[in-house]
Protein backbone atom coordinates (compact mmCIF):
# COMPACT_ATOMS: atom_id res chain seq x y z
CA MET A 1 46.53 -43.51 -4.65
CA SER A 2 43.13 -42.78 -3.07
CA LYS A 3 41.60 -41.72 -6.37
CA LYS A 4 42.66 -44.93 -8.01
CA LYS A 5 41.53 -47.10 -5.16
CA LEU A 6 38.25 -45.28 -4.53
CA ARG A 7 36.87 -45.46 -8.04
CA ARG A 8 33.39 -44.19 -7.18
CA SER A 9 32.72 -40.74 -5.79
CA GLY A 10 31.34 -40.40 -2.27
CA ALA A 11 27.99 -39.20 -3.66
CA ASN A 12 27.83 -42.21 -5.99
CA ILE A 13 28.51 -44.62 -3.13
CA MET A 14 25.92 -42.94 -0.90
CA ALA A 15 23.29 -43.04 -3.65
CA SER A 16 23.99 -46.73 -4.36
CA LEU A 17 23.79 -47.65 -0.67
CA ILE A 18 20.56 -45.68 -0.21
CA LEU A 19 19.00 -47.53 -3.15
CA LEU A 20 19.52 -50.74 -1.19
CA LEU A 21 16.94 -49.50 1.33
CA GLY A 22 14.12 -50.65 -0.93
CA SER A 23 10.97 -51.39 1.08
CA LEU A 24 12.68 -50.19 4.29
CA ALA A 25 12.62 -46.59 3.04
CA TYR A 26 9.40 -45.82 4.92
CA ILE A 27 11.07 -46.72 8.23
CA MET A 28 13.95 -44.39 7.37
CA ILE A 29 11.43 -41.59 6.68
CA LEU A 30 9.82 -42.30 10.06
CA ALA A 31 13.26 -42.12 11.72
CA VAL A 32 13.93 -38.74 10.08
CA ILE A 33 10.57 -37.34 11.19
CA ASN A 34 11.08 -38.59 14.76
CA GLY A 35 14.62 -37.22 14.81
CA SER A 36 13.66 -33.82 13.44
CA ILE A 37 10.70 -33.29 15.78
CA GLY A 38 12.76 -34.73 18.63
CA PHE A 39 15.60 -32.24 18.14
CA ILE A 40 13.15 -29.36 17.82
CA CYS A 41 11.66 -30.52 21.14
CA ALA A 42 15.17 -30.54 22.65
CA MET A 43 15.61 -26.97 21.44
CA GLY A 44 12.19 -26.18 22.80
CA VAL A 45 13.44 -26.60 26.38
CA THR A 46 15.94 -23.74 26.03
CA VAL A 47 13.80 -21.69 23.65
CA PHE A 48 10.86 -21.71 26.07
CA GLY A 49 13.33 -20.75 28.78
CA ALA A 50 14.35 -17.80 26.60
CA VAL A 51 10.67 -16.97 26.08
CA GLY A 52 10.27 -16.81 29.86
CA VAL A 53 13.27 -14.48 30.14
CA ALA A 54 11.89 -12.32 27.31
CA LYS A 55 8.53 -12.08 29.14
CA ALA A 56 10.37 -11.03 32.31
CA LEU A 57 12.18 -8.34 30.29
CA GLY A 58 8.83 -6.86 29.28
CA GLU A 59 8.26 -8.59 25.94
CA ALA A 60 4.59 -9.01 25.10
CA ILE A 61 4.24 -12.78 25.45
CA ALA A 62 0.71 -14.20 25.52
CA LEU A 63 1.79 -17.36 27.35
CA SER A 64 1.70 -17.53 31.14
CA TYR A 65 4.80 -18.48 33.12
CA GLY A 66 3.14 -21.73 34.18
CA LEU A 67 2.36 -22.68 30.58
CA ILE A 68 5.90 -21.77 29.49
CA ILE A 69 7.35 -24.05 32.18
CA GLY A 70 4.88 -26.81 31.26
CA LEU A 71 5.78 -26.57 27.57
CA ALA A 72 9.52 -26.70 28.39
CA VAL A 73 9.03 -29.83 30.53
CA GLY A 74 6.76 -31.40 27.90
CA CYS A 75 9.38 -30.80 25.21
CA GLY A 76 12.00 -32.55 27.33
CA VAL A 77 9.80 -35.62 27.89
CA LEU A 78 8.73 -35.77 24.25
CA ARG A 79 12.38 -35.45 23.18
CA GLY A 80 13.28 -38.61 25.09
CA ILE A 81 10.40 -40.61 23.57
CA LEU A 82 11.07 -39.47 20.01
CA ARG A 83 14.83 -40.05 20.42
CA TYR A 84 14.13 -43.66 21.36
CA PHE A 85 11.96 -44.26 18.30
CA GLU A 86 14.49 -42.50 16.04
CA GLN A 87 17.35 -44.71 17.25
CA TYR A 88 15.18 -47.82 17.17
CA SER A 89 14.15 -47.12 13.56
CA ASN A 90 17.73 -46.39 12.44
CA HIS A 91 19.18 -49.52 14.01
CA PHE A 92 16.26 -51.66 12.84
CA ILE A 93 17.03 -50.57 9.27
CA ALA A 94 20.78 -50.96 9.79
CA PHE A 95 20.67 -54.52 11.07
CA LYS A 96 18.01 -55.57 8.57
CA LEU A 97 20.12 -54.19 5.75
CA LEU A 98 23.29 -55.77 7.10
CA ALA A 99 21.55 -59.12 6.86
CA VAL A 100 20.42 -58.28 3.33
CA LEU A 101 23.94 -57.15 2.36
CA ARG A 102 25.53 -60.32 3.72
CA ASP A 103 23.01 -62.35 1.76
CA LYS A 104 23.79 -60.33 -1.39
CA ILE A 105 27.55 -60.79 -0.88
CA PHE A 106 27.26 -64.54 -0.39
CA GLY A 107 24.95 -64.65 -3.41
CA ALA A 108 27.55 -62.73 -5.45
CA LEU A 109 30.31 -65.06 -4.26
CA ARG A 110 28.25 -68.09 -5.28
CA THR A 111 28.02 -66.57 -8.76
CA LEU A 112 31.69 -65.53 -8.90
CA CYS A 113 33.08 -68.77 -7.49
CA PRO A 114 35.09 -70.85 -7.89
CA ALA A 115 37.11 -68.50 -10.12
CA LYS A 116 36.91 -65.71 -7.51
CA LEU A 117 38.52 -67.91 -4.85
CA GLU A 118 41.36 -68.92 -7.16
CA SER A 119 42.97 -65.61 -6.16
CA LYS A 120 45.07 -65.20 -3.04
CA HIS A 121 42.79 -62.56 -1.55
CA LYS A 122 40.57 -64.79 0.59
CA GLY A 123 41.49 -62.75 3.67
CA SER A 124 40.26 -59.62 1.90
CA ILE A 125 36.93 -61.32 1.18
CA ILE A 126 36.62 -62.36 4.83
CA ALA A 127 37.35 -58.76 5.85
CA MET A 128 34.60 -57.63 3.50
CA ILE A 129 31.90 -59.90 4.94
CA THR A 130 32.88 -59.01 8.50
CA SER A 131 34.43 -55.59 9.15
CA ASP A 132 33.33 -53.86 5.92
CA ILE A 133 29.71 -54.86 6.47
CA GLU A 134 29.88 -53.71 10.09
CA THR A 135 31.32 -50.37 8.95
CA LEU A 136 28.29 -49.83 6.73
CA GLU A 137 26.10 -50.03 9.83
CA VAL A 138 27.42 -46.56 10.71
CA PHE A 139 26.16 -45.25 7.38
CA TYR A 140 22.63 -46.59 7.74
CA ALA A 141 22.23 -45.89 11.47
CA HIS A 142 24.21 -42.66 11.87
CA THR A 143 24.56 -40.94 8.50
CA ILE A 144 21.38 -40.86 6.41
CA SER A 145 19.09 -39.65 9.21
CA PRO A 146 21.47 -36.97 10.58
CA ILE A 147 21.82 -35.38 7.14
CA ALA A 148 18.05 -35.25 6.59
CA ILE A 149 17.46 -34.07 10.18
CA ALA A 150 20.05 -31.30 9.79
CA VAL A 151 18.32 -29.98 6.65
CA LEU A 152 14.83 -30.04 8.20
CA VAL A 153 15.85 -28.59 11.60
CA SER A 154 17.99 -25.87 10.02
CA THR A 155 15.11 -24.86 7.75
CA ALA A 156 12.69 -24.80 10.70
CA VAL A 157 15.06 -22.68 12.82
CA PHE A 158 15.68 -20.28 9.94
CA LEU A 159 11.94 -19.68 9.55
CA PHE A 160 11.30 -19.49 13.30
CA VAL A 161 14.10 -16.99 13.99
CA GLY A 162 13.16 -14.94 10.91
CA PHE A 163 9.48 -14.59 11.83
CA VAL A 164 9.81 -14.41 15.62
CA SER A 165 13.09 -12.53 16.05
CA SER A 166 15.09 -11.12 13.11
CA TRP A 167 15.85 -12.11 9.53
CA TYR A 168 19.41 -10.85 10.07
CA LEU A 169 19.90 -13.46 12.79
CA ALA A 170 18.19 -16.03 10.55
CA LEU A 171 20.60 -15.27 7.68
CA ALA A 172 23.57 -15.47 10.07
CA ALA A 173 22.31 -18.91 11.12
CA VAL A 174 22.05 -20.04 7.48
CA VAL A 175 25.63 -18.96 6.79
CA ALA A 176 26.76 -20.87 9.89
CA TYR A 177 24.86 -24.00 8.81
CA LEU A 178 26.37 -23.90 5.32
CA VAL A 179 29.92 -23.42 6.59
CA ILE A 180 29.70 -26.01 9.40
CA GLY A 181 27.58 -28.54 7.53
CA ILE A 182 29.07 -28.26 4.02
CA VAL A 183 32.30 -26.25 3.76
CA VAL A 184 34.08 -27.76 6.78
CA PRO A 185 33.11 -31.36 5.88
CA MET A 186 34.24 -30.85 2.26
CA ILE A 187 37.64 -29.54 3.37
CA SER A 188 38.10 -32.28 5.97
CA SER A 189 36.80 -34.97 3.60
CA SER A 190 39.53 -34.28 1.05
CA ARG A 191 42.09 -34.68 3.81
CA LEU A 192 40.50 -37.74 5.39
CA LYS A 193 39.67 -39.64 2.19
CA GLU A 194 43.20 -40.84 1.49
CA SER A 195 43.88 -41.96 5.06
CA GLY A 196 40.54 -43.79 5.23
CA VAL A 197 41.08 -45.67 1.97
CA LYS A 198 44.67 -46.54 2.92
CA TYR A 199 43.49 -47.80 6.31
CA ARG A 200 40.88 -50.12 4.78
CA ALA A 201 43.40 -51.39 2.21
CA GLU A 202 46.04 -52.06 4.88
CA PHE A 203 43.44 -53.70 7.11
CA ALA A 204 42.38 -56.08 4.32
CA SER A 205 46.02 -56.85 3.46
CA PHE A 206 46.90 -57.54 7.09
CA ASN A 207 43.81 -59.71 7.48
CA ALA A 208 44.76 -61.81 4.44
CA TYR A 209 48.38 -62.25 5.57
CA PHE A 210 47.43 -63.07 9.16
CA LEU A 211 44.84 -65.63 7.96
CA ASP A 212 47.49 -67.31 5.80
CA SER A 213 49.83 -67.38 8.80
CA ILE A 214 47.22 -69.07 11.00
CA LYS A 215 46.33 -71.64 8.33
CA GLY A 216 49.99 -72.40 7.62
CA ILE A 217 51.19 -72.44 11.22
CA LYS A 218 52.35 -76.07 11.04
CA ASP A 219 54.53 -75.46 8.00
CA ILE A 220 55.88 -72.28 9.57
CA VAL A 221 56.93 -74.22 12.70
CA LEU A 222 58.32 -77.18 10.76
CA ASN A 223 60.46 -74.88 8.62
CA ASN A 224 61.56 -72.82 11.63
CA ALA A 225 60.19 -69.73 9.87
CA GLY A 226 58.37 -68.37 12.92
CA ALA A 227 60.78 -65.52 13.59
CA GLU A 228 60.68 -64.30 9.98
CA ARG A 229 56.90 -64.60 9.84
CA GLU A 230 56.55 -62.77 13.15
CA LYS A 231 58.78 -60.01 11.83
CA GLU A 232 56.57 -59.58 8.77
CA VAL A 233 53.38 -59.65 10.88
CA ASN A 234 54.83 -56.98 13.17
CA LYS A 235 55.90 -54.91 10.16
CA ARG A 236 52.40 -55.04 8.69
CA SER A 237 50.88 -54.38 12.09
CA GLU A 238 53.05 -51.29 12.50
CA LEU A 239 52.01 -50.09 9.05
CA LEU A 240 48.35 -50.58 9.96
CA LEU A 241 48.88 -48.77 13.27
CA LYS A 242 50.57 -45.90 11.42
CA GLU A 243 47.57 -45.52 9.11
CA THR A 244 45.22 -45.73 12.11
CA LYS A 245 47.11 -42.96 13.94
CA LYS A 246 47.13 -40.81 10.81
CA MET A 247 43.39 -41.27 10.38
CA LYS A 248 42.68 -40.52 14.07
CA HIS A 249 44.94 -37.45 13.93
CA ASN A 250 43.07 -36.10 10.92
CA SER A 251 39.72 -36.83 12.60
CA THR A 252 40.80 -34.97 15.74
CA ARG A 253 41.92 -31.95 13.70
CA THR A 254 38.57 -31.95 11.91
CA ALA A 255 36.63 -32.09 15.20
CA ALA A 256 38.71 -29.23 16.60
CA ALA A 257 38.14 -27.15 13.45
CA THR A 258 34.39 -27.75 13.71
CA GLU A 259 34.24 -26.72 17.37
CA LEU A 260 36.27 -23.58 16.63
CA THR A 261 33.97 -22.68 13.73
CA VAL A 262 30.86 -23.18 15.88
CA SER A 263 32.33 -20.99 18.63
CA LEU A 264 33.12 -18.22 16.14
CA PHE A 265 29.60 -18.27 14.70
CA ILE A 266 28.08 -18.24 18.19
CA ILE A 267 30.10 -15.12 18.97
CA ALA A 268 29.19 -13.62 15.57
CA THR A 269 25.46 -14.29 16.14
CA LEU A 270 25.61 -12.73 19.60
CA VAL A 271 27.43 -9.67 18.23
CA ILE A 272 24.79 -9.25 15.48
CA GLY A 273 22.02 -9.51 18.09
CA ILE A 274 23.67 -6.89 20.31
CA VAL A 275 24.19 -4.56 17.34
CA LEU A 276 20.53 -4.92 16.34
CA VAL A 277 19.42 -4.09 19.88
CA HIS A 278 21.85 -1.15 20.04
CA PHE A 279 20.34 0.42 16.92
CA ASP A 280 16.78 -0.31 18.15
CA THR A 281 16.17 -2.64 15.22
CA LEU A 282 15.33 -5.47 17.62
CA SER A 283 13.99 -5.62 21.17
CA ILE A 284 16.21 -7.30 23.78
CA GLY A 285 13.55 -9.93 24.49
CA LYS A 286 13.25 -11.02 20.85
CA MET A 287 17.04 -10.89 20.54
CA VAL A 288 17.35 -13.36 23.45
CA ILE A 289 14.81 -15.73 21.86
CA GLY A 290 16.50 -15.56 18.43
CA VAL A 291 20.05 -15.93 19.72
CA VAL A 292 19.13 -18.86 22.03
CA ALA A 293 17.32 -20.60 19.16
CA VAL A 294 20.38 -20.27 16.92
CA PHE A 295 22.77 -21.35 19.70
CA GLY A 296 20.76 -24.52 20.30
CA SER A 297 20.41 -25.45 16.64
CA PHE A 298 24.01 -26.37 15.79
CA GLY A 299 23.74 -29.99 16.97
CA PRO A 300 22.52 -31.51 13.65
CA VAL A 301 25.06 -29.62 11.51
CA ILE A 302 27.86 -30.53 13.94
CA ALA A 303 26.82 -34.16 13.44
CA ILE A 304 27.19 -33.68 9.68
CA SER A 305 30.57 -32.01 10.12
CA ALA A 306 31.74 -35.06 12.11
CA LEU A 307 30.64 -37.47 9.39
CA PRO A 308 33.79 -37.38 7.17
CA SER A 309 35.88 -39.16 9.82
CA ASN A 310 33.45 -42.08 9.66
CA LEU A 311 32.45 -41.71 6.02
CA THR A 312 36.00 -42.13 4.71
CA GLN A 313 36.00 -45.69 6.02
CA THR A 314 32.34 -46.14 5.10
CA PHE A 315 33.02 -45.05 1.51
CA ALA A 316 36.07 -47.32 1.26
CA SER A 317 34.05 -50.26 2.63
CA GLY A 318 31.02 -49.38 0.53
CA ASP A 319 33.15 -49.14 -2.60
CA ARG A 320 34.62 -52.61 -1.99
CA VAL A 321 31.19 -54.12 -1.33
CA LEU A 322 29.62 -52.44 -4.35
CA ASN A 323 32.56 -53.55 -6.51
CA LEU A 324 31.94 -57.15 -5.50
CA LEU A 325 28.19 -56.88 -6.13
CA ALA A 326 28.90 -55.33 -9.55
CA GLU A 327 31.69 -57.75 -10.49
CA LYS A 328 31.00 -59.91 -13.51
CA PRO A 329 31.63 -63.64 -13.05
CA ALA A 330 34.35 -65.37 -15.03
CA VAL A 331 31.61 -67.61 -16.40
CA THR A 332 27.87 -67.05 -16.66
CA GLU A 333 25.66 -69.81 -15.31
CA VAL A 334 23.78 -71.68 -18.05
CA LYS A 335 20.14 -72.24 -17.07
CA ASN A 336 18.21 -72.59 -20.31
CA GLY A 337 20.61 -74.85 -22.17
CA GLU A 338 20.62 -78.60 -22.73
CA ASN A 339 20.85 -81.53 -20.34
CA ILE A 340 23.10 -84.52 -21.01
CA GLU A 341 23.77 -88.01 -19.76
CA TYR A 342 27.50 -88.34 -20.23
CA GLU A 343 28.76 -90.72 -22.90
CA ASN A 344 31.87 -89.04 -24.32
CA LEU A 345 34.03 -85.94 -24.23
CA ASN A 346 35.73 -84.29 -27.19
CA VAL A 347 38.09 -81.32 -26.89
CA SER A 348 39.31 -79.55 -30.02
CA ASP A 349 41.45 -76.44 -30.61
CA LEU A 350 41.00 -75.38 -26.96
CA SER A 351 42.86 -72.25 -25.83
CA PHE A 352 42.86 -70.37 -22.54
CA ASN A 353 44.60 -67.49 -20.76
CA TYR A 354 44.12 -65.67 -17.47
CA ASN A 355 43.13 -62.00 -17.70
CA GLU A 356 43.94 -61.75 -21.40
CA GLN A 357 47.63 -62.32 -20.67
CA THR A 358 50.06 -65.14 -21.50
CA GLU A 359 48.35 -68.19 -22.92
CA VAL A 360 48.24 -71.17 -20.55
CA LEU A 361 46.80 -73.65 -23.04
CA ARG A 362 46.52 -73.55 -26.82
CA ASP A 363 45.27 -75.83 -29.60
CA ILE A 364 44.40 -78.58 -27.08
CA LYS A 365 42.92 -81.73 -28.58
CA MET A 366 41.81 -84.82 -26.66
CA HIS A 367 38.87 -87.20 -26.39
CA ALA A 368 37.50 -89.64 -23.84
CA GLU A 369 34.88 -92.34 -24.09
CA LYS A 370 32.84 -93.94 -21.36
CA GLY A 371 34.78 -96.91 -20.02
CA GLU A 372 38.21 -95.26 -20.51
CA ILE A 373 40.83 -94.03 -18.10
CA ILE A 374 42.72 -91.10 -19.60
CA GLY A 375 46.05 -90.09 -18.09
CA ILE A 376 47.49 -86.56 -18.26
CA VAL A 377 51.12 -85.90 -17.37
CA GLY A 378 53.34 -82.82 -17.46
CA GLU A 379 55.58 -80.56 -15.46
CA SER A 380 54.19 -78.62 -12.50
CA GLY A 381 52.50 -75.40 -13.65
CA CYS A 382 52.06 -76.53 -17.25
CA GLY A 383 48.25 -76.17 -17.10
CA LYS A 384 47.03 -79.67 -16.22
CA SER A 385 44.86 -78.54 -13.30
CA THR A 386 43.61 -75.58 -15.34
CA PHE A 387 42.53 -77.99 -18.06
CA LEU A 388 40.45 -80.00 -15.57
CA LYS A 389 38.78 -76.81 -14.32
CA LEU A 390 37.91 -75.86 -17.89
CA LEU A 391 36.17 -79.22 -18.26
CA LEU A 392 33.95 -78.15 -15.34
CA ARG A 393 33.56 -74.64 -16.78
CA PHE A 394 35.08 -73.00 -13.72
CA TRP A 395 36.74 -70.65 -16.23
CA GLN A 396 35.54 -69.47 -19.63
CA LYS A 397 37.53 -70.96 -22.50
CA LYS A 398 38.96 -68.39 -24.89
CA GLY A 399 38.66 -70.49 -28.01
CA GLY A 400 37.97 -73.95 -29.36
CA GLU A 401 35.41 -76.45 -28.16
CA ILE A 402 34.76 -78.68 -25.17
CA ALA A 403 31.91 -80.94 -26.24
CA TYR A 404 29.98 -83.43 -24.11
CA ASN A 405 28.03 -85.88 -26.27
CA GLY A 406 28.69 -83.48 -29.15
CA ILE A 407 27.20 -80.47 -27.28
CA ASP A 408 29.50 -77.54 -26.50
CA ILE A 409 30.03 -76.99 -22.77
CA ASP A 410 28.68 -73.42 -23.03
CA LYS A 411 25.29 -74.85 -24.03
CA VAL A 412 25.04 -77.42 -21.23
CA ASN A 413 23.07 -76.40 -18.13
CA SER A 414 25.52 -75.70 -15.31
CA ASP A 415 23.73 -77.84 -12.69
CA ASN A 416 23.44 -80.72 -15.14
CA LEU A 417 27.15 -80.45 -16.00
CA LEU A 418 28.10 -80.72 -12.32
CA ASP A 419 25.79 -83.73 -11.95
CA ASN A 420 27.66 -85.50 -14.75
CA VAL A 421 31.21 -84.38 -13.95
CA THR A 422 32.98 -84.21 -10.59
CA MET A 423 36.56 -83.47 -9.60
CA VAL A 424 38.84 -84.45 -6.74
CA SER A 425 41.46 -81.72 -6.35
CA GLN A 426 44.93 -81.96 -4.84
CA THR A 427 43.67 -80.54 -1.56
CA THR A 428 40.33 -81.70 -0.14
CA TYR A 429 38.51 -79.27 2.13
CA LEU A 430 36.69 -80.83 5.07
CA PHE A 431 34.13 -78.92 7.11
CA ASP A 432 34.21 -78.96 10.92
CA GLU A 433 31.49 -81.59 11.03
CA THR A 434 31.41 -85.39 11.20
CA ILE A 435 33.01 -87.55 8.52
CA GLU A 436 29.54 -88.72 7.57
CA ASP A 437 28.32 -85.12 7.09
CA ASN A 438 31.38 -84.36 4.97
CA LEU A 439 30.65 -87.34 2.75
CA ARG A 440 26.95 -86.49 2.40
CA ILE A 441 27.85 -83.21 0.68
CA ALA A 442 28.19 -85.34 -2.46
CA ASN A 443 24.91 -87.21 -1.92
CA PRO A 444 22.67 -86.06 0.98
CA ASN A 445 20.31 -89.01 0.56
CA ALA A 446 22.95 -91.75 0.51
CA SER A 447 22.35 -94.75 2.76
CA GLN A 448 24.93 -95.91 5.29
CA GLU A 449 25.72 -98.87 3.02
CA GLU A 450 26.42 -96.51 0.11
CA LEU A 451 28.68 -94.35 2.30
CA GLU A 452 30.69 -97.36 3.37
CA ALA A 453 30.91 -98.76 -0.17
CA ALA A 454 32.31 -95.46 -1.46
CA CYS A 455 34.84 -95.33 1.39
CA ARG A 456 35.95 -98.91 0.71
CA LEU A 457 36.57 -97.99 -2.92
CA ALA A 458 38.70 -95.05 -1.71
CA SER A 459 40.56 -97.28 0.77
CA VAL A 460 39.49 -95.18 3.76
CA HIS A 461 36.72 -97.29 5.37
CA ASP A 462 39.07 -99.33 7.57
CA PHE A 463 40.73 -96.16 8.83
CA ILE A 464 37.36 -94.56 9.67
CA MET A 465 36.32 -97.64 11.63
CA THR A 466 39.42 -97.31 13.84
CA LEU A 467 38.22 -93.88 15.03
CA PRO A 468 36.35 -93.70 18.36
CA ASN A 469 33.02 -92.73 16.78
CA GLY A 470 33.55 -94.18 13.30
CA TYR A 471 31.63 -92.20 10.69
CA LYS A 472 30.25 -89.95 13.45
CA THR A 473 33.75 -88.70 14.32
CA GLN A 474 34.13 -84.92 14.24
CA VAL A 475 36.72 -83.86 11.68
CA GLY A 476 37.98 -80.79 13.55
CA ALA A 477 38.54 -77.25 12.33
CA LEU A 478 40.23 -77.22 8.91
CA GLY A 479 40.41 -81.02 9.08
CA ASP A 480 43.50 -80.83 11.29
CA ASN A 481 42.63 -84.13 12.97
CA LEU A 482 43.29 -85.96 9.70
CA SER A 483 46.43 -86.33 7.60
CA ALA A 484 46.63 -85.00 4.04
CA GLY A 485 46.36 -88.54 2.68
CA GLU A 486 43.28 -89.34 4.76
CA LYS A 487 41.58 -86.12 3.64
CA GLN A 488 42.42 -86.90 0.02
CA ARG A 489 40.91 -90.36 0.29
CA ILE A 490 37.73 -88.93 1.84
CA GLY A 491 37.60 -86.55 -1.13
CA LEU A 492 37.90 -89.54 -3.45
CA ALA A 493 35.11 -91.30 -1.54
CA ARG A 494 32.96 -88.22 -2.12
CA ALA A 495 33.51 -88.56 -5.86
CA PHE A 496 32.52 -92.23 -5.81
CA LEU A 497 29.46 -91.45 -3.66
CA LYS A 498 28.27 -88.73 -6.00
CA GLY A 499 28.07 -91.21 -8.83
CA SER A 500 29.04 -88.85 -11.68
CA GLU A 501 29.75 -90.50 -15.02
CA LEU A 502 33.00 -88.54 -15.54
CA ILE A 503 35.47 -88.23 -12.67
CA LEU A 504 38.40 -85.81 -12.87
CA LEU A 505 41.24 -86.70 -10.51
CA ASP A 506 44.01 -84.18 -9.83
CA GLU A 507 46.94 -86.07 -8.24
CA PRO A 508 44.62 -88.48 -6.35
CA THR A 509 47.47 -90.58 -4.94
CA SER A 510 50.03 -87.85 -4.20
CA ASN A 511 49.49 -88.06 -0.43
CA VAL A 512 49.13 -91.83 0.04
CA ASP A 513 51.65 -94.62 0.41
CA SER A 514 52.32 -97.32 -2.20
CA MET A 515 49.96 -99.85 -0.59
CA ASN A 516 46.99 -97.46 -0.49
CA GLU A 517 47.87 -96.20 -3.97
CA GLY A 518 47.57 -99.74 -5.24
CA ILE A 519 44.18 -100.20 -3.58
CA ILE A 520 42.89 -96.89 -4.98
CA LEU A 521 44.15 -97.65 -8.49
CA LYS A 522 42.53 -101.07 -8.34
CA ALA A 523 39.25 -99.41 -7.34
CA LEU A 524 39.55 -96.93 -10.21
CA LYS A 525 40.19 -99.71 -12.70
CA GLU A 526 37.11 -101.55 -11.45
CA GLN A 527 35.04 -98.39 -11.89
CA LYS A 528 36.13 -97.66 -15.44
CA SER A 529 33.58 -99.96 -17.05
CA LYS A 530 30.86 -97.69 -15.67
CA LYS A 531 32.52 -94.29 -16.00
CA SER A 532 35.16 -92.15 -17.68
CA ILE A 533 38.11 -91.19 -15.52
CA ILE A 534 40.60 -88.45 -16.37
CA LEU A 535 43.64 -88.80 -14.19
CA VAL A 536 46.35 -86.18 -13.63
CA SER A 537 49.48 -87.43 -11.90
CA HIS A 538 53.26 -87.16 -11.77
CA ARG A 539 53.65 -90.81 -10.73
CA GLU A 540 54.44 -93.33 -13.44
CA SER A 541 52.87 -96.04 -11.26
CA THR A 542 49.58 -94.12 -11.32
CA MET A 543 49.67 -93.84 -15.11
CA ALA A 544 49.95 -97.63 -15.39
CA ILE A 545 46.16 -98.02 -15.32
CA ALA A 546 45.54 -95.44 -18.07
CA ASP A 547 44.20 -96.61 -21.43
CA ARG A 548 45.61 -93.54 -23.13
CA ILE A 549 48.04 -90.85 -21.95
CA TYR A 550 48.37 -87.21 -22.96
CA LYS A 551 51.41 -85.11 -22.18
CA VAL A 552 51.13 -81.33 -21.59
CA GLU A 553 54.17 -79.33 -22.62
CA ASN A 554 54.55 -75.65 -23.50
CA GLY A 555 50.78 -75.18 -23.27
CA GLN A 556 50.02 -77.94 -25.76
CA MET A 557 48.77 -81.49 -25.29
CA GLN A 558 49.93 -84.49 -27.28
CA GLU A 559 48.85 -88.11 -27.00
CA VAL A 560 51.77 -90.44 -26.23
CA LYS A 561 52.03 -94.17 -26.66
CA VAL A 562 51.32 -96.28 -23.59
């Protein structure tokens, strides 16, 4: 499963994430330099202590005891200063890049939407822009620098021990670094990869399901489905907990294996030093200096060995983020095409399917002129709403033509198309702002008189005026302070306020009573002299205002007599 889910290799993900550093690379280099010198200074405290011991044992050391003590203290102070700058640099880069990544993700979503949000994985997307992004902070702040620091410090120690003490001890240190920093992580990574990927997948799935449960809490209560929903939430929670325990268990085993390996190499290095002294190949003073230097140098490679427990999640998160950034949109924005001022629409031989599977629509033919109201009827799921979305180019048609003023939709600039065509869907989303702010999404520069005129046309002005603060009333999170019918009428008011020449209405009266339906239909009829209106509805009473009616059946559309 992990190989299928994690399509990129760990090295590929790391390389792609590092490339995102861009102009921040110089700060990362500074962090590596500070970290490397800082760790060498930390080692310097014990190494200079060993130098003092070696001098006491009769080793010819040119440094005085006072200078040795001063250098040890100086190394300790310098270590603290350099450690601060290393951590500051790493976290500066991390948080800067997190902001850049969030901006890139929202930019990608703007390109991929609305088709991307037609899926049921909104919770997964939310998990991506929250927890996945936060997980990547570990990579930038605690992964790149430690790897570079480990390489530089290990090289420095190898050379120091070789020239000052013994090349045998230096070679033993190299073997230890390779085993602890490469072999152990590779073995543990193969074991941790699957649990890390499964954890991220289960986390995203749980997030999506829990978000749906919160949003649908009213319907859950009304249908007395709380117990069943709670059971499923608990089941998914237990599954997530199981994956968490498995991942933590594997991480603990890896940490224990690393500590055991380090202990064995410490013993091996000490044995080699003793053997060298025994055969008079090395003086005891130089042996002490070499062995202490090697003992104190394992910190950076231990940090690398501990990375797989974090990197498994980082790679899973990075893979998901990189997949989104690399994902191709269902439609490509048209920027250098033609601009129109809507007069007519002609659809011929239109066909469409989702993901190259079963056709939803085929051989669709219809036309609309300015000043007409076109009705579309059909069974639920027959493709009526999909047809409206194709008219807005939310999806890419598979064949045929959608022509505005004789110009194919694929040649019309996307921004210009959305200026000419607007749609009111079955569910209107309202932001947690005032009613006025929600209306101004359609026309930020609209006057108060224009706002009220649009709301009167949608039969919602009188209702708004009964609210304590009128148009300044706060809608409430998810629009829960308003009924479905009230939200739908505000959505209709938005369409009127925008002033588009073609209005697409998907079940505009499904959530209103007969009286308000009559008022809305009257308003639509009054607007038809200035615009084209394409109206999808199940209600026969709604279709009464249509000049022409098309029926969708078995993926095809036929005009029927009014």
